[in-house]
């Protein structure tokens, strides 16, 4: 079914690396990675996770230390069975990069009442904490659905 999962946001330095690491914790037998729809455009390719995102993750027992941001590509989309986007608008962007990936792209927050997970980049620590909680709840929900 879903053995390879790709988590996508804009820059691949806050939300998607957090989602990637949490899914790896909850689904240890799966291959999970992350990428950004505008990583290259933003000059973030190869950069580490955002300091505040890493701080919040670390405070919750999750490390983003080894993360290096990467640009989403058509080839990357082909490698994965399921692509999870942080916002509805990201699904459209993913579809422009790889139209054939549309059928396997869903929202990371699909199983929450609030489907979009807001971008905390350059915001307060509280914004990062809020995003982390939503990402963690979503990762747990996806884990439950995938392991059924």
Protein backbone atom coordinates (compact mmCIF):
# COMPACT_ATOMS: atom_id res chain seq x y z
CA UNK A 1 0.00 0.00 0.00
CA UNK A 2 1.79 3.15 1.21
CA UNK A 3 5.40 2.10 1.80
CA UNK A 4 7.09 5.29 0.61
CA UNK A 5 5.74 8.63 1.86
CA UNK A 6 6.90 12.12 0.91
CA UNK A 7 5.99 15.14 3.08
CA UNK A 8 5.89 18.51 1.29
CA UNK A 9 5.76 22.18 2.31
CA UNK A 10 7.24 25.36 0.80
CA UNK A 11 10.87 25.61 1.92
CA UNK A 12 11.40 22.17 3.48
CA UNK A 13 12.89 23.67 6.65
CA UNK A 14 9.96 23.79 9.13
CA UNK A 15 6.79 21.79 8.64
CA UNK A 16 7.78 19.02 6.24
CA UNK A 17 10.97 17.94 8.07
CA UNK A 18 8.96 17.84 11.30
CA UNK A 19 6.26 15.76 9.62
CA UNK A 20 8.92 13.49 8.11
CA UNK A 21 10.57 12.80 11.47
CA UNK A 22 7.29 12.23 13.31
CA UNK A 23 6.04 9.82 10.63
CA UNK A 24 9.38 7.98 10.86
CA UNK A 25 8.76 7.58 14.62
CA UNK A 26 5.18 6.34 14.16
CA UNK A 27 5.80 4.28 11.00
CA UNK A 28 9.34 2.90 11.44
CA UNK A 29 8.94 0.26 8.72
CA UNK A 30 8.11 2.86 6.03
CA UNK A 31 10.42 4.96 3.85
CA UNK A 32 9.68 8.62 4.58
CA UNK A 33 11.31 11.75 3.21
CA UNK A 34 10.44 15.43 2.71
CA UNK A 35 10.88 18.17 0.12
CA UNK A 36 9.80 21.73 -0.63
CA UNK A 37 7.94 23.19 -3.59
CA UNK A 38 10.04 26.39 -3.52
CA UNK A 39 13.25 25.25 -1.82
CA UNK A 40 15.52 26.08 -4.75
CA UNK A 41 13.74 29.38 -5.52
CA UNK A 42 14.14 30.40 -1.87
CA UNK A 43 17.84 29.50 -1.80
CA UNK A 44 17.22 26.89 0.88
CA UNK A 45 18.49 23.74 -0.88
CA UNK A 46 20.91 21.91 1.40
CA UNK A 47 20.09 24.13 4.39
CA UNK A 48 19.35 22.66 7.83
CA UNK A 49 15.95 22.81 9.49
CA UNK A 50 14.86 26.16 10.92
CA UNK A 51 16.36 26.72 14.40
CA UNK A 52 13.00 27.27 16.10
CA UNK A 53 11.44 24.25 14.34
CA UNK A 54 14.37 22.14 15.55
CA UNK A 55 14.10 23.57 19.08
CA UNK A 56 10.39 22.71 19.33
CA UNK A 57 10.98 19.25 17.85
CA UNK A 58 13.84 18.61 20.29
CA UNK A 59 11.69 19.74 23.24
CA UNK A 60 9.22 17.06 22.14
CA UNK A 61 11.81 14.29 21.73
CA UNK A 62 12.22 14.60 17.96
CA UNK A 63 15.44 15.74 16.26
CA UNK A 64 15.75 17.60 12.97
CA UNK A 65 19.56 17.85 13.30
CA UNK A 66 20.38 15.70 10.26
CA UNK A 67 17.89 17.41 7.93
CA UNK A 68 19.00 19.06 4.68
CA UNK A 69 16.34 20.84 2.61
CA UNK A 70 15.67 19.56 -0.90
CA UNK A 71 13.62 20.78 -3.85
CA UNK A 72 10.58 18.77 -4.91
CA UNK A 73 11.04 17.37 -8.42
CA UNK A 74 8.99 15.30 -10.81
CA UNK A 75 11.47 12.43 -10.31
CA UNK A 76 11.09 12.61 -6.54
CA UNK A 77 7.29 12.50 -6.86
CA UNK A 78 7.54 9.33 -8.97
CA UNK A 79 9.46 7.54 -6.22
CA UNK A 80 6.72 7.80 -3.58
CA UNK A 81 3.36 6.05 -3.08
CA UNK A 82 1.83 8.89 -1.06
CA UNK A 83 2.62 12.61 -1.04
CA UNK A 84 1.37 14.65 1.91
CA UNK A 85 1.10 18.43 1.51
CA UNK A 86 0.75 20.92 4.37
CA UNK A 87 -1.76 23.22 2.62
CA UNK A 88 -4.39 22.93 -0.12
CA UNK A 89 -2.38 25.34 -2.30
CA UNK A 90 0.61 23.01 -2.12
CA UNK A 91 -1.40 20.27 -3.83
CA UNK A 92 -1.82 22.54 -6.87
CA UNK A 93 1.90 23.38 -6.85
CA UNK A 94 2.81 19.68 -6.64
CA UNK A 95 0.44 18.99 -9.55
CA UNK A 96 2.24 21.64 -11.64
CA UNK A 97 5.63 20.05 -10.91
CA UNK A 98 4.36 16.49 -11.47
CA UNK A 99 0.81 16.28 -12.90
CA UNK A 100 0.85 12.48 -12.64
CA UNK A 101 1.29 12.75 -8.84
CA UNK A 102 -2.11 14.40 -8.28
CA UNK A 103 -3.90 11.12 -7.57
CA UNK A 104 -1.53 10.18 -4.77
CA UNK A 105 -1.31 13.64 -3.15
CA UNK A 106 -3.34 14.44 -0.04
CA UNK A 107 -3.25 16.90 2.85
CA UNK A 108 -1.05 16.09 5.83
CA UNK A 109 -3.90 17.41 8.01
CA UNK A 110 -6.50 15.30 6.15
CA UNK A 111 -7.80 13.62 9.31
CA UNK A 112 -7.99 16.80 11.41
CA UNK A 113 -10.91 19.19 11.37
CA UNK A 114 -8.44 21.91 10.34
CA UNK A 115 -6.91 20.58 7.17
CA UNK A 116 -4.22 23.19 6.45
CA UNK A 117 -1.22 23.35 8.77
CA UNK A 118 -0.14 27.03 8.97
CA UNK A 119 3.43 28.00 8.16
CA UNK A 120 5.26 29.17 11.31
CA UNK A 121 8.33 30.42 9.41
CA UNK A 122 9.60 33.77 10.79
CA UNK A 123 6.85 33.80 13.40
CA UNK A 124 6.79 33.39 17.17
CA UNK A 125 7.83 30.31 19.12
CA UNK A 126 4.11 29.86 19.89
CA UNK A 127 3.37 29.63 16.15
CA UNK A 128 5.96 26.84 15.87
CA UNK A 129 4.48 25.08 18.91
CA UNK A 130 1.00 25.29 17.40
CA UNK A 131 2.23 23.91 14.05
CA UNK A 132 4.13 21.12 15.82
CA UNK A 133 1.00 20.02 17.70
CA UNK A 134 -1.02 19.93 14.46
CA UNK A 135 1.74 18.03 12.66
CA UNK A 136 2.06 15.54 15.51
CA UNK A 137 -1.72 14.95 15.65
CA UNK A 138 -1.79 14.52 11.88
CA UNK A 139 1.17 12.13 11.88
CA UNK A 140 -0.55 9.99 14.54
CA UNK A 141 -3.78 9.99 12.50
CA UNK A 142 -1.95 8.99 9.30
CA UNK A 143 -0.11 6.27 11.20
CA UNK A 144 -3.41 4.85 12.45
CA UNK A 145 -4.94 4.92 8.95
CA UNK A 146 -1.89 3.39 7.23
CA UNK A 147 -1.40 0.57 9.73
CA UNK A 148 -5.07 -0.53 9.71
